[in-house]
């Protein structure tokens, strides 16, 4: 579904992403995790078609995403830094996006989400709190009925009840419509509960990409936790503190000394 091959991006001489590879299967929830500045947002902006690839290739459904209107019409992107038109309330916002996504917009769903999240449709969105603005953005994104949903730090500012409601809706869309979801988040506890696959980013490169259940099974032998299996938090900390990128960049299809599958040379994830 989504393939990133050898992506590199520099900003004013600083390499934000280097030799980055990623494979996301259709109808799955993929968690992209890493510390601040590791390159997660840069990768997501490439996937959304905001940045052109400086080097490498980005494919969605085997087609490039940049300057591809057909691919973008089937995608929704919720960035971490939100922007809303001044004086627009939720009703006007819905009307605006219904024109942009004429083929897929579901206004009944939009109104259901607004009611579920207890948002005032007549209030200016710019005057919402940060958490309420994030809820509004998620409601819009889900109402476009996308085939691909990109979420950059979607949990920030959301209380536990709202997070639960949003994730239940996302999981239902994945099950019912085979929607493909990529989530970048610092909240590894939440990611642990919903992701099928995780990709851990370090220094602008993919450190490890693997099915989450299999990753936990592989890490059991490391005795890194009193929990069985270890949590994603514990796995993330262990890998960041003990591993360098080079340890995971071995031969195609091989397994490193840590027992974890490397990303280099993979042809795709579940035929993505």
C-alpha atoms as a PDB file:
ATOM      1  CA  UNK A   1       0.000   0.000   0.000  1.00  0.00           C
ATOM      2  CA  UNK A   2       2.604   2.548   1.148  1.00  0.00           C
ATOM      3  CA  UNK A   3       6.238   2.123   0.208  1.00  0.00           C
ATOM      4  CA  UNK A   4       9.089   4.476   1.035  1.00  0.00           C
ATOM      5  CA  UNK A   5      12.426   3.601  -0.526  1.00  0.00           C
ATOM      6  CA  UNK A   6      15.730   5.251   0.336  1.00  0.00           C
ATOM      7  CA  UNK A   7      14.141   8.627   1.165  1.00  0.00           C
ATOM      8  CA  UNK A   8      16.558  11.467   1.967  1.00  0.00           C
ATOM      9  CA  UNK A   9      15.725  15.078   2.845  1.00  0.00           C
ATOM     10  CA  UNK A  10      17.979  17.958   3.895  1.00  0.00           C
ATOM     11  CA  UNK A  11      17.159  21.413   5.230  1.00  0.00           C
ATOM     12  CA  UNK A  12      19.875  24.097   4.991  1.00  0.00           C
ATOM     13  CA  UNK A  13      22.622  21.492   5.109  1.00  0.00           C
ATOM     14  CA  UNK A  14      20.985  19.433   7.881  1.00  0.00           C
ATOM     15  CA  UNK A  15      19.939  15.919   6.896  1.00  0.00           C
ATOM     16  CA  UNK A  16      16.572  15.306   8.536  1.00  0.00           C
ATOM     17  CA  UNK A  17      15.943  11.938   6.865  1.00  0.00           C
ATOM     18  CA  UNK A  18      18.540   9.653   5.304  1.00  0.00           C
ATOM     19  CA  UNK A  19      18.127   6.363   3.434  1.00  0.00           C
ATOM     20  CA  UNK A  20      14.693   5.888   4.958  1.00  0.00           C
ATOM     21  CA  UNK A  21      12.695   2.758   4.083  1.00  0.00           C
ATOM     22  CA  UNK A  22       9.149   1.947   5.200  1.00  0.00           C
ATOM     23  CA  UNK A  23       6.383  -0.461   4.188  1.00  0.00           C
ATOM     24  CA  UNK A  24       2.772  -0.113   5.356  1.00  0.00           C
ATOM     25  CA  UNK A  25       0.223  -2.811   4.559  1.00  0.00           C
ATOM     26  CA  UNK A  26      -3.251  -1.998   3.320  1.00  0.00           C
ATOM     27  CA  UNK A  27      -5.896  -2.118   6.036  1.00  0.00           C
ATOM     28  CA  UNK A  28      -3.389  -1.896   8.879  1.00  0.00           C
ATOM     29  CA  UNK A  29      -2.529   0.581  11.628  1.00  0.00           C
ATOM     30  CA  UNK A  30       1.149   1.492  11.562  1.00  0.00           C
ATOM     31  CA  UNK A  31       2.844   3.312  14.437  1.00  0.00           C
ATOM     32  CA  UNK A  32       5.836   5.520  13.646  1.00  0.00           C
ATOM     33  CA  UNK A  33       7.773   6.259  16.834  1.00  0.00           C
ATOM     34  CA  UNK A  34      10.955   8.107  17.706  1.00  0.00           C
ATOM     35  CA  UNK A  35      12.292  10.934  19.849  1.00  0.00           C
ATOM     36  CA  UNK A  36      11.780  14.594  18.943  1.00  0.00           C
ATOM     37  CA  UNK A  37      13.792  15.515  15.871  1.00  0.00           C
ATOM     38  CA  UNK A  38      14.183  11.932  14.663  1.00  0.00           C
ATOM     39  CA  UNK A  39      12.477  12.698  11.325  1.00  0.00           C
ATOM     40  CA  UNK A  40       8.915  11.403  11.844  1.00  0.00           C
ATOM     41  CA  UNK A  41       7.130  14.597  10.782  1.00  0.00           C
ATOM     42  CA  UNK A  42       9.397  15.004   7.755  1.00  0.00           C
ATOM     43  CA  UNK A  43       8.480  11.486   6.628  1.00  0.00           C
ATOM     44  CA  UNK A  44       4.748  12.120   7.113  1.00  0.00           C
ATOM     45  CA  UNK A  45       4.895  15.387   5.168  1.00  0.00           C
ATOM     46  CA  UNK A  46       6.479  13.495   2.281  1.00  0.00           C
ATOM     47  CA  UNK A  47       3.684  10.914   2.455  1.00  0.00           C
ATOM     48  CA  UNK A  48       1.104  13.715   2.397  1.00  0.00           C
ATOM     49  CA  UNK A  49       2.740  15.206  -0.690  1.00  0.00           C
ATOM     50  CA  UNK A  50       3.803  18.391   1.103  1.00  0.00           C
ATOM     51  CA  UNK A  51       7.501  17.815   0.314  1.00  0.00           C
ATOM     52  CA  UNK A  52       8.864  16.386  -2.932  1.00  0.00           C
ATOM     53  CA  UNK A  53      11.362  13.549  -2.421  1.00  0.00           C
ATOM     54  CA  UNK A  54      14.881  14.918  -2.688  1.00  0.00           C
ATOM     55  CA  UNK A  55      16.181  11.399  -3.142  1.00  0.00           C
ATOM     56  CA  UNK A  56      14.395   8.062  -3.136  1.00  0.00           C
ATOM     57  CA  UNK A  57      10.829   7.066  -3.908  1.00  0.00           C
ATOM     58  CA  UNK A  58       7.431   7.292  -2.206  1.00  0.00           C
ATOM     59  CA  UNK A  59       4.617   5.145  -3.579  1.00  0.00           C
ATOM     60  CA  UNK A  60       0.997   4.758  -2.530  1.00  0.00           C
ATOM     61  CA  UNK A  61      -0.829   2.036  -4.449  1.00  0.00           C
ATOM     62  CA  UNK A  62       2.288   1.727  -6.594  1.00  0.00           C
ATOM     63  CA  UNK A  63       2.009   5.366  -7.749  1.00  0.00           C
ATOM     64  CA  UNK A  64       4.024   8.438  -6.665  1.00  0.00           C
ATOM     65  CA  UNK A  65       2.215  10.744  -4.240  1.00  0.00           C
ATOM     66  CA  UNK A  66       3.778  14.131  -5.015  1.00  0.00           C
ATOM     67  CA  UNK A  67       1.667  16.107  -7.517  1.00  0.00           C
ATOM     68  CA  UNK A  68      -0.716  13.150  -7.771  1.00  0.00           C
ATOM     69  CA  UNK A  69      -4.249  14.501  -7.378  1.00  0.00           C
ATOM     70  CA  UNK A  70      -5.897  11.067  -7.594  1.00  0.00           C
ATOM     71  CA  UNK A  71      -3.852   9.688  -4.713  1.00  0.00           C
ATOM     72  CA  UNK A  72      -4.370  12.795  -2.600  1.00  0.00           C
ATOM     73  CA  UNK A  73      -8.136  12.651  -3.151  1.00  0.00           C
ATOM     74  CA  UNK A  74      -8.160   9.371  -1.233  1.00  0.00           C
ATOM     75  CA  UNK A  75      -6.006  10.623   1.632  1.00  0.00           C
ATOM     76  CA  UNK A  76      -6.595  12.631   4.807  1.00  0.00           C
ATOM     77  CA  UNK A  77      -3.765  14.251   6.764  1.00  0.00           C
ATOM     78  CA  UNK A  78      -3.991  15.702  10.273  1.00  0.00           C
ATOM     79  CA  UNK A  79      -0.743  17.567  11.087  1.00  0.00           C
ATOM     80  CA  UNK A  80       0.521  18.399  14.540  1.00  0.00           C
ATOM     81  CA  UNK A  81       0.440  22.142  13.764  1.00  0.00           C
ATOM     82  CA  UNK A  82      -3.178  22.830  12.864  1.00  0.00           C
ATOM     83  CA  UNK A  83      -4.542  25.789  10.894  1.00  0.00           C
ATOM     84  CA  UNK A  84      -8.156  26.900  10.585  1.00  0.00           C
ATOM     85  CA  UNK A  85      -9.673  29.749   8.596  1.00  0.00           C
ATOM     86  CA  UNK A  86     -10.591  32.726  10.812  1.00  0.00           C
ATOM     87  CA  UNK A  87     -14.305  32.991  11.644  1.00  0.00           C
ATOM     88  CA  UNK A  88     -15.064  29.507  10.316  1.00  0.00           C
ATOM     89  CA  UNK A  89     -17.310  27.437  12.543  1.00  0.00           C
ATOM     90  CA  UNK A  90     -17.672  23.680  12.149  1.00  0.00           C
ATOM     91  CA  UNK A  91     -20.622  23.996   9.761  1.00  0.00           C
ATOM     92  CA  UNK A  92     -18.637  26.252   7.407  1.00  0.00           C
ATOM     93  CA  UNK A  93     -15.606  23.989   7.780  1.00  0.00           C
ATOM     94  CA  UNK A  94     -17.717  21.005   6.792  1.00  0.00           C
ATOM     95  CA  UNK A  95     -19.087  22.845   3.757  1.00  0.00           C
ATOM     96  CA  UNK A  96     -15.575  23.780   2.657  1.00  0.00           C
ATOM     97  CA  UNK A  97     -14.246  20.231   2.833  1.00  0.00           C
ATOM     98  CA  UNK A  98     -17.385  18.787   1.266  1.00  0.00           C
ATOM     99  CA  UNK A  99     -16.477  20.768  -1.860  1.00  0.00           C
ATOM    100  CA  UNK A 100     -12.876  19.548  -1.766  1.00  0.00           C
ATOM    101  CA  UNK A 101     -13.893  15.907  -1.290  1.00  0.00           C
ATOM    102  CA  UNK A 102     -17.098  15.803  -3.335  1.00  0.00           C
ATOM    103  CA  UNK A 103     -16.726  12.128  -4.220  1.00  0.00           C
ATOM    104  CA  UNK A 104     -16.201  10.831  -0.684  1.00  0.00           C
ATOM    105  CA  UNK A 105     -17.485  13.403   1.838  1.00  0.00           C
ATOM    106  CA  UNK A 106     -20.069  11.996   4.275  1.00  0.00           C
ATOM    107  CA  UNK A 107     -21.935  14.829   5.980  1.00  0.00           C
ATOM    108  CA  UNK A 108     -24.033  12.466   8.084  1.00  0.00           C
ATOM    109  CA  UNK A 109     -20.832  10.997   9.485  1.00  0.00           C
ATOM    110  CA  UNK A 110     -19.484  14.513  10.092  1.00  0.00           C
ATOM    111  CA  UNK A 111     -22.514  15.494  12.154  1.00  0.00           C
ATOM    112  CA  UNK A 112     -22.371  12.190  14.064  1.00  0.00           C
ATOM    113  CA  UNK A 113     -18.715  12.798  14.931  1.00  0.00           C
ATOM    114  CA  UNK A 114     -19.393  16.370  16.048  1.00  0.00           C
ATOM    115  CA  UNK A 115     -22.158  15.079  18.330  1.00  0.00           C
ATOM    116  CA  UNK A 116     -20.007  12.215  19.598  1.00  0.00           C
ATOM    117  CA  UNK A 117     -17.189  14.619  20.477  1.00  0.00           C
ATOM    118  CA  UNK A 118     -19.647  17.144  21.936  1.00  0.00           C
ATOM    119  CA  UNK A 119     -18.380  20.016  19.765  1.00  0.00           C
ATOM    120  CA  UNK A 120     -20.437  23.157  19.161  1.00  0.00           C
ATOM    121  CA  UNK A 121     -20.995  23.382  15.368  1.00  0.00           C
ATOM    122  CA  UNK A 122     -21.758  27.128  15.554  1.00  0.00           C
ATOM    123  CA  UNK A 123     -18.661  28.174  17.494  1.00  0.00           C
ATOM    124  CA  UNK A 124     -15.575  29.509  15.663  1.00  0.00           C
ATOM    125  CA  UNK A 125     -13.010  26.714  15.463  1.00  0.00           C
ATOM    126  CA  UNK A 126     -10.137  29.179  15.953  1.00  0.00           C
ATOM    127  CA  UNK A 127     -11.533  29.862  19.447  1.00  0.00           C
ATOM    128  CA  UNK A 128     -11.557  26.195  20.412  1.00  0.00           C
ATOM    129  CA  UNK A 129      -8.966  24.883  22.848  1.00  0.00           C
ATOM    130  CA  UNK A 130      -6.035  22.961  21.354  1.00  0.00           C
ATOM    131  CA  UNK A 131      -7.669  19.657  22.214  1.00  0.00           C
ATOM    132  CA  UNK A 132     -11.002  20.693  20.707  1.00  0.00           C
ATOM    133  CA  UNK A 133      -9.256  21.868  17.524  1.00  0.00           C
ATOM    134  CA  UNK A 134      -7.573  18.474  17.250  1.00  0.00           C
ATOM    135  CA  UNK A 135     -10.976  16.805  17.650  1.00  0.00           C
ATOM    136  CA  UNK A 136     -12.434  19.032  14.917  1.00  0.00           C
ATOM    137  CA  UNK A 137      -9.560  18.145  12.562  1.00  0.00           C
ATOM    138  CA  UNK A 138     -10.028  14.432  13.227  1.00  0.00           C
ATOM    139  CA  UNK A 139     -13.783  14.720  12.613  1.00  0.00           C
ATOM    140  CA  UNK A 140     -13.139  16.387   9.253  1.00  0.00           C
ATOM    141  CA  UNK A 141     -10.499  13.824   8.279  1.00  0.00           C
ATOM    142  CA  UNK A 142     -12.697  10.842   9.094  1.00  0.00           C
ATOM    143  CA  UNK A 143     -15.653  12.401   7.273  1.00  0.00           C
ATOM    144  CA  UNK A 144     -13.702  12.407   4.005  1.00  0.00           C
ATOM    145  CA  UNK A 145     -13.797   8.585   4.230  1.00  0.00           C
ATOM    146  CA  UNK A 146     -10.146   8.292   3.210  1.00  0.00           C
ATOM    147  CA  UNK A 147      -8.384   5.178   2.028  1.00  0.00           C
ATOM    148  CA  UNK A 148      -5.215   6.457   3.733  1.00  0.00           C
ATOM    149  CA  UNK A 149      -5.229   8.372   7.027  1.00  0.00           C
ATOM    150  CA  UNK A 150      -2.036  10.133   8.172  1.00  0.00           C
ATOM    151  CA  UNK A 151      -1.954  11.362  11.777  1.00  0.00           C
ATOM    152  CA  UNK A 152       0.948  13.340  13.247  1.00  0.00           C
ATOM    153  CA  UNK A 153       0.744  13.388  17.060  1.00  0.00           C
ATOM    154  CA  UNK A 154      -3.065  13.036  17.083  1.00  0.00           C
ATOM    155  CA  UNK A 155      -3.305  12.249  20.802  1.00  0.00           C
ATOM    156  CA  UNK A 156      -1.803  15.514  22.101  1.00  0.00           C
ATOM    157  CA  UNK A 157      -4.396  17.507  24.007  1.00  0.00           C
ATOM    158  CA  UNK A 158      -7.045  14.784  23.975  1.00  0.00           C
ATOM    159  CA  UNK A 159      -8.487  13.415  27.202  1.00  0.00           C
ATOM    160  CA  UNK A 160      -8.777   9.618  27.656  1.00  0.00           C
ATOM    161  CA  UNK A 161     -12.509   9.515  26.845  1.00  0.00           C
ATOM    162  CA  UNK A 162     -12.075  11.376  23.554  1.00  0.00           C
ATOM    163  CA  UNK A 163      -9.050   9.246  22.611  1.00  0.00           C
ATOM    164  CA  UNK A 164     -11.101   6.107  23.169  1.00  0.00           C
ATOM    165  CA  UNK A 165     -13.969   7.389  21.018  1.00  0.00           C
ATOM    166  CA  UNK A 166     -11.678   8.465  18.172  1.00  0.00           C
ATOM    167  CA  UNK A 167      -9.690   5.234  18.133  1.00  0.00           C
ATOM    168  CA  UNK A 168     -12.837   3.097  18.176  1.00  0.00           C
ATOM    169  CA  UNK A 169     -14.024   4.960  15.074  1.00  0.00           C
ATOM    170  CA  UNK A 170     -10.644   4.541  13.359  1.00  0.00           C
ATOM    171  CA  UNK A 171     -10.467   0.824  14.171  1.00  0.00           C
ATOM    172  CA  UNK A 172     -13.999   0.347  12.791  1.00  0.00           C
ATOM    173  CA  UNK A 173     -12.998   2.066   9.532  1.00  0.00           C
ATOM    174  CA  UNK A 174      -9.952  -0.172   9.256  1.00  0.00           C
ATOM    175  CA  UNK A 175     -12.129  -3.253   9.759  1.00  0.00           C
ATOM    176  CA  UNK A 176     -15.033  -2.141   7.549  1.00  0.00           C
ATOM    177  CA  UNK A 177     -13.281  -0.257   4.730  1.00  0.00           C
ATOM    178  CA  UNK A 178      -9.687  -1.534   4.933  1.00  0.00           C
ATOM    179  CA  UNK A 179      -8.537   2.018   5.616  1.00  0.00           C
ATOM    180  CA  UNK A 180      -4.772   2.264   6.032  1.00  0.00           C
ATOM    181  CA  UNK A 181      -3.573   4.346   8.988  1.00  0.00           C
ATOM    182  CA  UNK A 182      -0.151   5.745   9.839  1.00  0.00           C
ATOM    183  CA  UNK A 183       0.180   7.343  13.286  1.00  0.00           C
ATOM    184  CA  UNK A 184       3.125   9.238  14.698  1.00  0.00           C
ATOM    185  CA  UNK A 185       2.922   9.650  18.465  1.00  0.00           C
ATOM    186  CA  UNK A 186       4.923  10.034  21.660  1.00  0.00           C
ATOM    187  CA  UNK A 187       2.187   8.225  23.582  1.00  0.00           C
ATOM    188  CA  UNK A 188       3.546   4.710  23.241  1.00  0.00           C
ATOM    189  CA  UNK A 189       1.013   3.290  25.686  1.00  0.00           C
ATOM    190  CA  UNK A 190      -1.813   4.230  23.313  1.00  0.00           C
ATOM    191  CA  UNK A 191       0.124   2.988  20.283  1.00  0.00           C
ATOM    192  CA  UNK A 192       0.754  -0.315  22.041  1.00  0.00           C
ATOM    193  CA  UNK A 193      -2.954  -0.998  22.148  1.00  0.00           C
ATOM    194  CA  UNK A 194      -3.914  -0.315  18.523  1.00  0.00           C
ATOM    195  CA  UNK A 195      -0.934  -0.746  16.165  1.00  0.00           C
ATOM    196  CA  UNK A 196      -0.378  -3.808  13.997  1.00  0.00           C
ATOM    197  CA  UNK A 197       3.150  -2.783  13.016  1.00  0.00           C
ATOM    198  CA  UNK A 198       5.658  -0.307  14.434  1.00  0.00           C
ATOM    199  CA  UNK A 199       8.566   1.495  12.861  1.00  0.00           C
ATOM    200  CA  UNK A 200      11.153   2.968  15.212  1.00  0.00           C
ATOM    201  CA  UNK A 201      13.013   5.949  13.777  1.00  0.00           C
ATOM    202  CA  UNK A 202      16.448   7.044  14.951  1.00  0.00           C
ATOM    203  CA  UNK A 203      18.632   9.771  13.490  1.00  0.00           C
ATOM    204  CA  UNK A 204      16.470  10.094  10.384  1.00  0.00           C
ATOM    205  CA  UNK A 205      16.654   6.383   9.499  1.00  0.00           C
ATOM    206  CA  UNK A 206      14.441   3.397  10.189  1.00  0.00           C
ATOM    207  CA  UNK A 207      15.951   1.503  13.105  1.00  0.00           C
ATOM    208  CA  UNK A 208      13.489  -1.371  13.080  1.00  0.00           C
ATOM    209  CA  UNK A 209      10.171  -2.123  11.403  1.00  0.00           C
ATOM    210  CA  UNK A 210       8.204  -5.157  12.514  1.00  0.00           C
ATOM    211  CA  UNK A 211       4.836  -6.638  13.398  1.00  0.00           C
ATOM    212  CA  UNK A 212       4.268  -5.492  16.985  1.00  0.00           C
ATOM    213  CA  UNK A 213       3.277  -8.890  18.377  1.00  0.00           C
ATOM    214  CA  UNK A 214       6.293 -10.531  16.762  1.00  0.00           C
ATOM    215  CA  UNK A 215       8.562  -7.774  18.046  1.00  0.00           C
ATOM    216  CA  UNK A 216       7.344  -8.408  21.596  1.00  0.00           C
ATOM    217  CA  UNK A 217       7.917 -12.146  21.174  1.00  0.00           C
ATOM    218  CA  UNK A 218      11.463 -11.553  19.896  1.00  0.00           C
ATOM    219  CA  UNK A 219      12.222  -9.221  22.798  1.00  0.00           C
ATOM    220  CA  UNK A 220      11.097 -11.743  25.445  1.00  0.00           C
ATOM    221  CA  UNK A 221      14.504 -13.419  25.230  1.00  0.00           C
ATOM    222  CA  UNK A 222      16.195 -10.136  26.158  1.00  0.00           C
ATOM    223  CA  UNK A 223      14.656 -10.094  29.643  1.00  0.00           C
ATOM    224  CA  UNK A 224      14.232  -6.331  29.471  1.00  0.00           C
ATOM    225  CA  UNK A 225      11.081  -6.286  31.563  1.00  0.00           C
ATOM    226  CA  UNK A 226       9.167  -7.904  34.359  1.00  0.00           C
ATOM    227  CA  UNK A 227       6.176  -7.863  32.030  1.00  0.00           C
ATOM    228  CA  UNK A 228       5.503 -10.725  29.667  1.00  0.00           C
ATOM    229  CA  UNK A 229       5.499  -9.646  26.924  1.00  0.00           C
ATOM    230  CA  UNK A 230       7.343  -6.329  27.358  1.00  0.00           C
ATOM    231  CA  UNK A 231       5.512  -3.085  26.624  1.00  0.00           C
ATOM    232  CA  UNK A 232       6.258  -0.923  23.593  1.00  0.00           C
ATOM    233  CA  UNK A 233       7.644   1.710  25.981  1.00  0.00           C
ATOM    234  CA  UNK A 234      10.165  -0.791  27.336  1.00  0.00           C
ATOM    235  CA  UNK A 235      11.112  -2.067  23.886  1.00  0.00           C
ATOM    236  CA  UNK A 236      11.581   1.468  22.575  1.00  0.00           C
ATOM    237  CA  UNK A 237      13.825   2.513  25.480  1.00  0.00           C
ATOM    238  CA  UNK A 238      15.867  -0.684  25.259  1.00  0.00           C
ATOM    239  CA  UNK A 239      16.515  -0.319  21.530  1.00  0.00           C
ATOM    240  CA  UNK A 240      17.354   3.366  21.753  1.00  0.00           C
ATOM    241  CA  UNK A 241      19.784   2.864  24.624  1.00  0.00           C
ATOM    242  CA  UNK A 242      21.535  -0.255  23.391  1.00  0.00           C
ATOM    243  CA  UNK A 243      21.450  -0.295  19.600  1.00  0.00           C
ATOM    244  CA  UNK A 244      23.003   1.720  16.818  1.00  0.00           C
ATOM    245  CA  UNK A 245      21.437   1.870  13.375  1.00  0.00           C
ATOM    246  CA  UNK A 246      24.297  -0.158  11.905  1.00  0.00           C
ATOM    247  CA  UNK A 247      23.403  -3.205  14.031  1.00  0.00           C
ATOM    248  CA  UNK A 248      20.141  -3.474  12.155  1.00  0.00           C
ATOM    249  CA  UNK A 249      21.445  -2.871   8.634  1.00  0.00           C
ATOM    250  CA  UNK A 250      22.619  -6.345   7.728  1.00  0.00           C
ATOM    251  CA  UNK A 251      21.995  -8.443   4.678  1.00  0.00           C
ATOM    252  CA  UNK A 252      18.627  -8.570   2.981  1.00  0.00           C
ATOM    253  CA  UNK A 253      16.037 -10.579   4.889  1.00  0.00           C
ATOM    254  CA  UNK A 254      18.466 -11.423   7.692  1.00  0.00           C
ATOM    255  CA  UNK A 255      18.023 -11.191  11.424  1.00  0.00           C
ATOM    256  CA  UNK A 256      20.416  -9.129  13.532  1.00  0.00           C
ATOM    257  CA  UNK A 257      22.153 -10.323  16.693  1.00  0.00           C
ATOM    258  CA  UNK A 258      19.287  -8.799  18.671  1.00  0.00           C
ATOM    259  CA  UNK A 259      16.894 -11.262  17.033  1.00  0.00           C
ATOM    260  CA  UNK A 260      14.951  -8.511  15.272  1.00  0.00           C
ATOM    261  CA  UNK A 261      14.184  -8.362  11.571  1.00  0.00           C
ATOM    262  CA  UNK A 262      15.894  -5.564   9.712  1.00  0.00           C
ATOM    263  CA  UNK A 263      14.176  -3.244   7.246  1.00  0.00           C
ATOM    264  CA  UNK A 264      16.851  -3.215   4.558  1.00  0.00           C
ATOM    265  CA  UNK A 265      16.028  -5.192   1.466  1.00  0.00           C
ATOM    266  CA  UNK A 266      12.382  -5.841   2.376  1.00  0.00           C
ATOM    267  CA  UNK A 267      10.137  -5.962  -0.682  1.00  0.00           C
ATOM    268  CA  UNK A 268       7.068  -4.913   1.255  1.00  0.00           C
ATOM    269  CA  UNK A 269       4.920  -5.704   4.253  1.00  0.00           C
ATOM    270  CA  UNK A 270       2.207  -8.235   3.596  1.00  0.00           C
ATOM    271  CA  UNK A 271       2.429  -7.442  -0.109  1.00  0.00           C
ATOM    272  CA  UNK A 272       1.850  -3.753   0.561  1.00  0.00           C
END
